[in-house]
Amino acid sequence: MKKSISYWSFPSNLSLKECFVLAKKAGFEAIEVALPSGKEITLDSGKEDLIQVKKKANEAELELSSLASGLFWDYSLTSNSSETREKAKQIVRKMLEFASYLGVDTILVVPGAVDVFFKPGGEVVSYDTAYERALSALKELAPVAEQYRVNIGVENVWNKFLLSPLEMRDFIDRIDSPFVGAYFDVGNVILTGYPEQWIRILGQRIKKVHLKDFRSSVGNANGFVDLLEGDVNWKEVIAALKEVGYDGYLTAEMMPLYKENDQALIYQTSHALDFILNRK
């Protein structure tokens, strides 16, 4: 398995090239870029823009592990607004196109939400309606993913939706496409379950993996902590990933940045990953 880190873990004032150089210097093998990534990857980016991003990564001797986006919190595939749902599908299509230019094989997609915990005034969608809307949208988008030969990775997030590994497994199986699977986030399930169980149940449906750690005793978003400081049983997680044949990127998604030194988090995370992967 390879060490990767999310673009969101870097100071926002850095260019992509500076992020790439810093990631490589800290010991990472890959980075997950995002839509948007500053002014360098936006919805208006063209093919040549994306090729230049890939070139900069190559020059830094760094691989691109995947393409994520935070836009799905504003444009949900399960929104009560049909216009918003269509915008969300357009974003997925754009991400699939962008990924093909970047040379990455998976995009991260938030499948929708019953509600968004950090948007207290936001809409609430009934669970059954969210399920049917998400299922319909991803069935519609699966042929586009196949066209670009890029996977859609459905992430488990704090959205009060797809709350168990059995439900996530069956949801993916109902889409019935080799290009739609899980983007599994280890830390996001600690509050209600065991990531090693999720991994064994999802099996080869897992396309990519996000790493975070979490202290269950906190019980809210403040419980997310640095790798090795929370309740994740990393030995079991790595064992489970090996059992199901996962040998891809492990992408650390670390936030917020340290106050005193906003680059120290990158080095700290790389060091922790070395211990998790038994490289120390």
Protein backbone atom coordinates (compact mmCIF):
# COMPACT_ATOMS: atom_id res chain seq x y z
CA MET A 1 0.00 0.00 0.00
CA LYS A 2 1.18 3.52 -0.82
CA LYS A 3 1.25 6.66 1.33
CA SER A 4 -0.98 9.44 0.00
CA ILE A 5 -2.33 12.66 1.47
CA SER A 6 -5.30 14.87 0.68
CA TYR A 7 -4.88 18.32 -0.84
CA TRP A 8 -7.12 19.59 1.97
CA SER A 9 -4.36 18.82 4.49
CA PHE A 10 -2.15 21.57 3.08
CA PRO A 11 -2.10 25.31 3.82
CA SER A 12 -4.49 27.05 1.44
CA ASN A 13 -1.88 29.61 0.40
CA LEU A 14 0.29 26.98 -1.30
CA SER A 15 0.12 26.35 -5.04
CA LEU A 16 -0.37 22.78 -6.23
CA LYS A 17 3.28 22.62 -7.22
CA GLU A 18 4.29 23.68 -3.70
CA CYS A 19 1.96 21.05 -2.24
CA PHE A 20 3.50 18.40 -4.46
CA VAL A 21 7.05 19.36 -3.48
CA LEU A 22 6.16 19.42 0.22
CA ALA A 23 4.37 16.06 0.05
CA LYS A 24 7.34 14.44 -1.64
CA LYS A 25 9.78 16.00 0.82
CA ALA A 26 7.71 14.68 3.73
CA GLY A 27 7.86 11.15 2.37
CA PHE A 28 4.54 10.70 0.57
CA GLU A 29 4.26 8.76 -2.65
CA ALA A 30 1.03 10.36 -3.86
CA ILE A 31 -1.46 13.15 -3.30
CA GLU A 32 -5.21 13.36 -3.76
CA VAL A 33 -6.17 16.55 -5.58
CA ALA A 34 -9.56 18.18 -5.24
CA LEU A 35 -12.15 20.11 -7.19
CA PRO A 36 -11.60 22.92 -6.57
CA SER A 37 -7.87 23.10 -5.79
CA GLY A 38 -7.30 26.84 -5.44
CA LYS A 39 -7.45 28.48 -8.86
CA GLU A 40 -5.64 25.59 -10.57
CA ILE A 41 -8.46 23.04 -10.71
CA THR A 42 -11.93 24.53 -11.05
CA LEU A 43 -15.13 23.59 -12.82
CA ASP A 44 -13.93 25.79 -15.70
CA SER A 45 -10.57 24.02 -16.10
CA GLY A 46 -9.75 22.69 -19.55
CA LYS A 47 -7.93 19.57 -20.65
CA GLU A 48 -4.58 21.37 -20.92
CA ASP A 49 -4.98 22.76 -17.39
CA LEU A 50 -5.33 19.25 -16.01
CA ILE A 51 -2.44 17.94 -18.09
CA GLN A 52 -0.27 20.67 -16.57
CA VAL A 53 -1.28 19.59 -13.07
CA LYS A 54 -0.29 16.03 -13.89
CA LYS A 55 3.00 17.28 -15.33
CA LYS A 56 3.80 19.21 -12.14
CA ALA A 57 3.15 16.10 -10.07
CA ASN A 58 5.41 14.06 -12.32
CA GLU A 59 8.15 16.68 -11.99
CA ALA A 60 7.89 16.36 -8.20
CA GLU A 61 8.10 12.56 -8.59
CA LEU A 62 4.69 12.27 -7.00
CA GLU A 63 1.69 10.21 -8.11
CA LEU A 64 -1.90 11.45 -8.17
CA SER A 65 -4.00 9.02 -6.16
CA SER A 66 -7.55 10.28 -6.75
CA LEU A 67 -9.79 13.30 -7.25
CA ALA A 68 -12.11 14.50 -4.48
CA SER A 69 -14.55 17.39 -4.15
CA GLY A 70 -16.27 19.30 -1.39
CA LEU A 71 -18.88 20.61 -3.81
CA PHE A 72 -21.32 17.82 -2.96
CA TRP A 73 -22.11 19.44 0.38
CA ASP A 74 -23.65 22.34 -1.57
CA TYR A 75 -24.87 20.31 -4.54
CA SER A 76 -26.29 17.03 -3.31
CA LEU A 77 -27.42 14.09 -5.43
CA THR A 78 -30.33 13.69 -2.98
CA SER A 79 -31.45 17.32 -2.65
CA ASN A 80 -35.13 18.18 -2.63
CA SER A 81 -34.33 20.56 -5.48
CA SER A 82 -34.26 18.87 -8.89
CA GLU A 83 -32.06 21.71 -10.16
CA THR A 84 -29.51 21.03 -7.41
CA ARG A 85 -29.57 17.30 -8.12
CA GLU A 86 -28.85 17.94 -11.79
CA LYS A 87 -25.96 20.24 -10.85
CA ALA A 88 -24.54 17.49 -8.64
CA LYS A 89 -24.69 15.02 -11.53
CA GLN A 90 -22.95 17.55 -13.77
CA ILE A 91 -20.16 17.82 -11.19
CA VAL A 92 -19.73 14.03 -11.17
CA ARG A 93 -19.52 14.00 -14.96
CA LYS A 94 -16.96 16.81 -14.90
CA MET A 95 -14.90 15.00 -12.27
CA LEU A 96 -14.86 11.82 -14.33
CA GLU A 97 -13.64 13.79 -17.33
CA PHE A 98 -11.00 15.58 -15.25
CA ALA A 99 -9.80 12.32 -13.72
CA SER A 100 -9.18 10.90 -17.18
CA TYR A 101 -6.90 13.85 -17.97
CA LEU A 102 -5.14 13.63 -14.61
CA GLY A 103 -4.53 9.91 -15.04
CA VAL A 104 -6.32 8.90 -11.84
CA ASP A 105 -8.65 5.92 -11.71
CA THR A 106 -11.11 7.01 -9.00
CA ILE A 107 -13.16 10.04 -7.99
CA LEU A 108 -14.67 10.56 -4.54
CA VAL A 109 -18.42 11.13 -4.51
CA VAL A 110 -20.61 11.93 -1.52
CA PRO A 111 -23.79 10.03 -2.45
CA GLY A 112 -26.13 12.50 -0.77
CA ALA A 113 -27.37 13.20 2.73
CA VAL A 114 -30.33 13.03 5.03
CA ASP A 115 -28.84 16.17 6.52
CA VAL A 116 -25.47 17.92 6.76
CA PHE A 117 -24.39 18.23 10.40
CA PHE A 118 -22.37 21.42 9.87
CA LYS A 119 -25.30 23.13 8.11
CA PRO A 120 -27.89 23.39 10.89
CA GLY A 121 -30.25 25.43 8.73
CA GLY A 122 -29.98 23.13 5.74
CA GLU A 123 -32.60 20.87 4.24
CA VAL A 124 -33.56 17.49 5.69
CA VAL A 125 -34.33 14.70 3.22
CA SER A 126 -36.18 11.57 4.31
CA TYR A 127 -33.92 8.53 4.41
CA ASP A 128 -35.93 6.44 1.95
CA THR A 129 -36.14 9.32 -0.52
CA ALA A 130 -32.40 9.95 -0.23
CA TYR A 131 -31.74 6.28 -0.91
CA GLU A 132 -33.84 6.16 -4.06
CA ARG A 133 -32.45 9.46 -5.40
CA ALA A 134 -28.84 8.42 -4.77
CA LEU A 135 -29.40 5.00 -6.30
CA SER A 136 -31.06 6.47 -9.39
CA ALA A 137 -28.35 9.10 -9.88
CA LEU A 138 -25.45 6.66 -9.57
CA LYS A 139 -27.11 4.15 -11.89
CA GLU A 140 -27.40 6.98 -14.42
CA LEU A 141 -23.76 8.00 -13.90
CA ALA A 142 -22.25 4.50 -13.97
CA PRO A 143 -22.12 4.34 -17.82
CA VAL A 144 -20.29 7.68 -17.83
CA ALA A 145 -17.72 6.25 -15.41
CA GLU A 146 -17.33 3.25 -17.68
CA GLN A 147 -16.89 5.53 -20.70
CA TYR A 148 -13.97 7.30 -19.01
CA ARG A 149 -12.69 4.09 -17.36
CA VAL A 150 -12.71 5.92 -14.03
CA ASN A 151 -14.28 4.58 -10.82
CA ILE A 152 -16.88 6.39 -8.76
CA GLY A 153 -15.94 5.88 -5.11
CA VAL A 154 -18.96 6.36 -2.83
CA GLU A 155 -17.70 7.71 0.50
CA ASN A 156 -19.12 6.95 3.92
CA VAL A 157 -19.45 10.34 5.60
CA TRP A 158 -21.38 11.91 8.48
CA ASN A 159 -24.56 12.32 6.45
CA LYS A 160 -26.98 10.06 8.42
CA PHE A 161 -27.08 7.88 5.29
CA LEU A 162 -25.75 4.40 4.39
CA LEU A 163 -24.99 3.86 8.06
CA SER A 164 -23.89 0.22 8.06
CA PRO A 165 -21.43 -1.84 6.01
CA LEU A 166 -24.23 -4.18 4.98
CA GLU A 167 -26.28 -1.30 3.63
CA MET A 168 -23.30 0.20 1.82
CA ARG A 169 -22.48 -3.20 0.32
CA ASP A 170 -26.02 -3.79 -0.89
CA PHE A 171 -26.36 -0.23 -2.20
CA ILE A 172 -23.24 -0.66 -4.34
CA ASP A 173 -24.40 -4.09 -5.53
CA ARG A 174 -27.76 -2.65 -6.64
CA ILE A 175 -25.93 -0.21 -8.92
CA ASP A 176 -24.27 -3.27 -10.45
CA SER A 177 -21.30 -1.62 -12.12
CA PRO A 178 -17.60 -2.53 -11.84
CA PHE A 179 -16.93 1.22 -11.98
CA VAL A 180 -18.93 2.07 -8.85
CA GLY A 181 -17.56 1.06 -5.47
CA ALA A 182 -16.68 2.40 -2.04
CA TYR A 183 -14.29 5.15 -1.10
CA PHE A 184 -13.90 3.89 2.45
CA ASP A 185 -13.06 6.37 5.21
CA VAL A 186 -11.60 4.59 8.24
CA GLY A 187 -12.14 7.33 10.83
CA ASN A 188 -15.69 8.16 9.81
CA VAL A 189 -17.12 4.88 11.17
CA ILE A 190 -15.42 4.81 14.59
CA LEU A 191 -18.33 6.52 16.37
CA THR A 192 -20.79 3.77 15.39
CA GLY A 193 -18.74 0.77 14.26
CA TYR A 194 -15.46 -0.96 13.51
CA PRO A 195 -13.58 -0.07 10.31
CA GLU A 196 -12.00 -3.52 10.07
CA GLN A 197 -15.51 -5.03 9.93
CA TRP A 198 -16.55 -2.59 7.22
CA ILE A 199 -13.45 -3.50 5.21
CA ARG A 200 -14.08 -7.23 5.40
CA ILE A 201 -17.74 -6.81 4.45
CA LEU A 202 -17.13 -4.39 1.56
CA GLY A 203 -14.18 -6.46 0.33
CA GLN A 204 -13.14 -5.81 -3.23
CA ARG A 205 -15.83 -3.17 -3.61
CA ILE A 206 -13.34 -0.80 -1.97
CA LYS A 207 -11.77 1.42 -4.63
CA LYS A 208 -9.83 3.82 -2.39
CA VAL A 209 -9.22 4.44 1.33
CA HIS A 210 -9.19 7.61 3.41
CA LEU A 211 -7.38 7.61 6.75
CA LYS A 212 -8.46 9.63 9.78
CA ASP A 213 -8.43 8.85 13.49
CA PHE A 214 -11.17 9.54 16.03
CA ARG A 215 -11.74 9.51 19.80
CA SER A 216 -15.15 7.99 20.45
CA SER A 217 -15.40 9.52 23.94
CA VAL A 218 -15.66 13.01 22.41
CA GLY A 219 -18.70 12.01 20.40
CA ASN A 220 -18.73 14.87 17.89
CA ALA A 221 -16.60 16.33 15.10
CA ASN A 222 -14.06 17.55 17.65
CA GLY A 223 -13.16 13.90 18.17
CA PHE A 224 -11.11 13.75 14.96
CA VAL A 225 -7.44 13.65 15.93
CA ASP A 226 -4.05 12.94 14.40
CA LEU A 227 -3.29 9.40 13.24
CA LEU A 228 -2.38 7.08 16.15
CA GLU A 229 -4.04 9.40 18.70
CA GLY A 230 -7.56 7.99 18.46
CA ASP A 231 -9.43 4.69 18.75
CA VAL A 232 -8.71 3.18 15.32
CA ASN A 233 -7.18 -0.29 15.68
CA TRP A 234 -4.63 0.24 12.94
CA LYS A 235 -3.18 -3.26 13.17
CA GLU A 236 -6.60 -4.75 12.48
CA VAL A 237 -7.37 -2.22 9.75
CA ILE A 238 -4.19 -3.02 7.83
CA ALA A 239 -4.75 -6.75 8.33
CA ALA A 240 -8.30 -6.46 6.98
CA LEU A 241 -7.16 -4.48 3.94
CA LYS A 242 -4.59 -7.15 3.16
CA GLU A 243 -7.19 -9.90 3.61
CA VAL A 244 -9.51 -8.36 1.00
CA GLY A 245 -6.62 -7.80 -1.41
CA TYR A 246 -6.44 -4.02 -1.19
CA ASP A 247 -3.01 -2.80 -2.23
CA GLY A 248 -3.75 0.77 -3.30
CA TYR A 249 -3.33 4.21 -1.83
CA LEU A 250 -3.96 5.10 1.79
CA THR A 251 -4.85 8.77 1.66
CA ALA A 252 -4.62 10.69 4.92
CA GLU A 253 -7.26 13.42 5.18
CA MET A 254 -6.07 15.59 8.04
CA MET A 255 -7.70 18.78 9.29
CA PRO A 256 -7.40 21.32 10.81
CA LEU A 257 -3.84 22.55 10.30
CA TYR A 258 -1.56 23.19 13.26
CA LYS A 259 -1.68 26.80 14.49
CA GLU A 260 2.05 27.27 15.15
CA ASN A 261 3.39 25.59 12.00
CA ASP A 262 0.93 24.88 9.22
CA GLN A 263 3.31 22.49 7.43
CA ALA A 264 4.18 20.36 10.46
CA LEU A 265 0.96 18.34 10.03
CA ILE A 266 2.27 16.95 6.73
CA TYR A 267 5.45 15.58 8.32
CA GLN A 268 3.63 14.31 11.41
CA THR A 269 1.12 12.43 9.26
CA SER A 270 3.82 10.86 7.10
CA HIS A 271 5.66 9.70 10.20
CA ALA A 272 2.48 8.17 11.66
CA LEU A 273 1.77 6.36 8.40
CA ASP A 274 5.21 4.78 8.52
CA PHE A 275 4.31 3.24 11.87
CA ILE A 276 0.86 2.17 10.65
CA LEU A 277 2.44 0.43 7.66
CA ASN A 278 5.19 -1.03 9.84
CA ARG A 279 7.88 0.86 7.98
CA LYS A 280 9.46 2.00 11.26
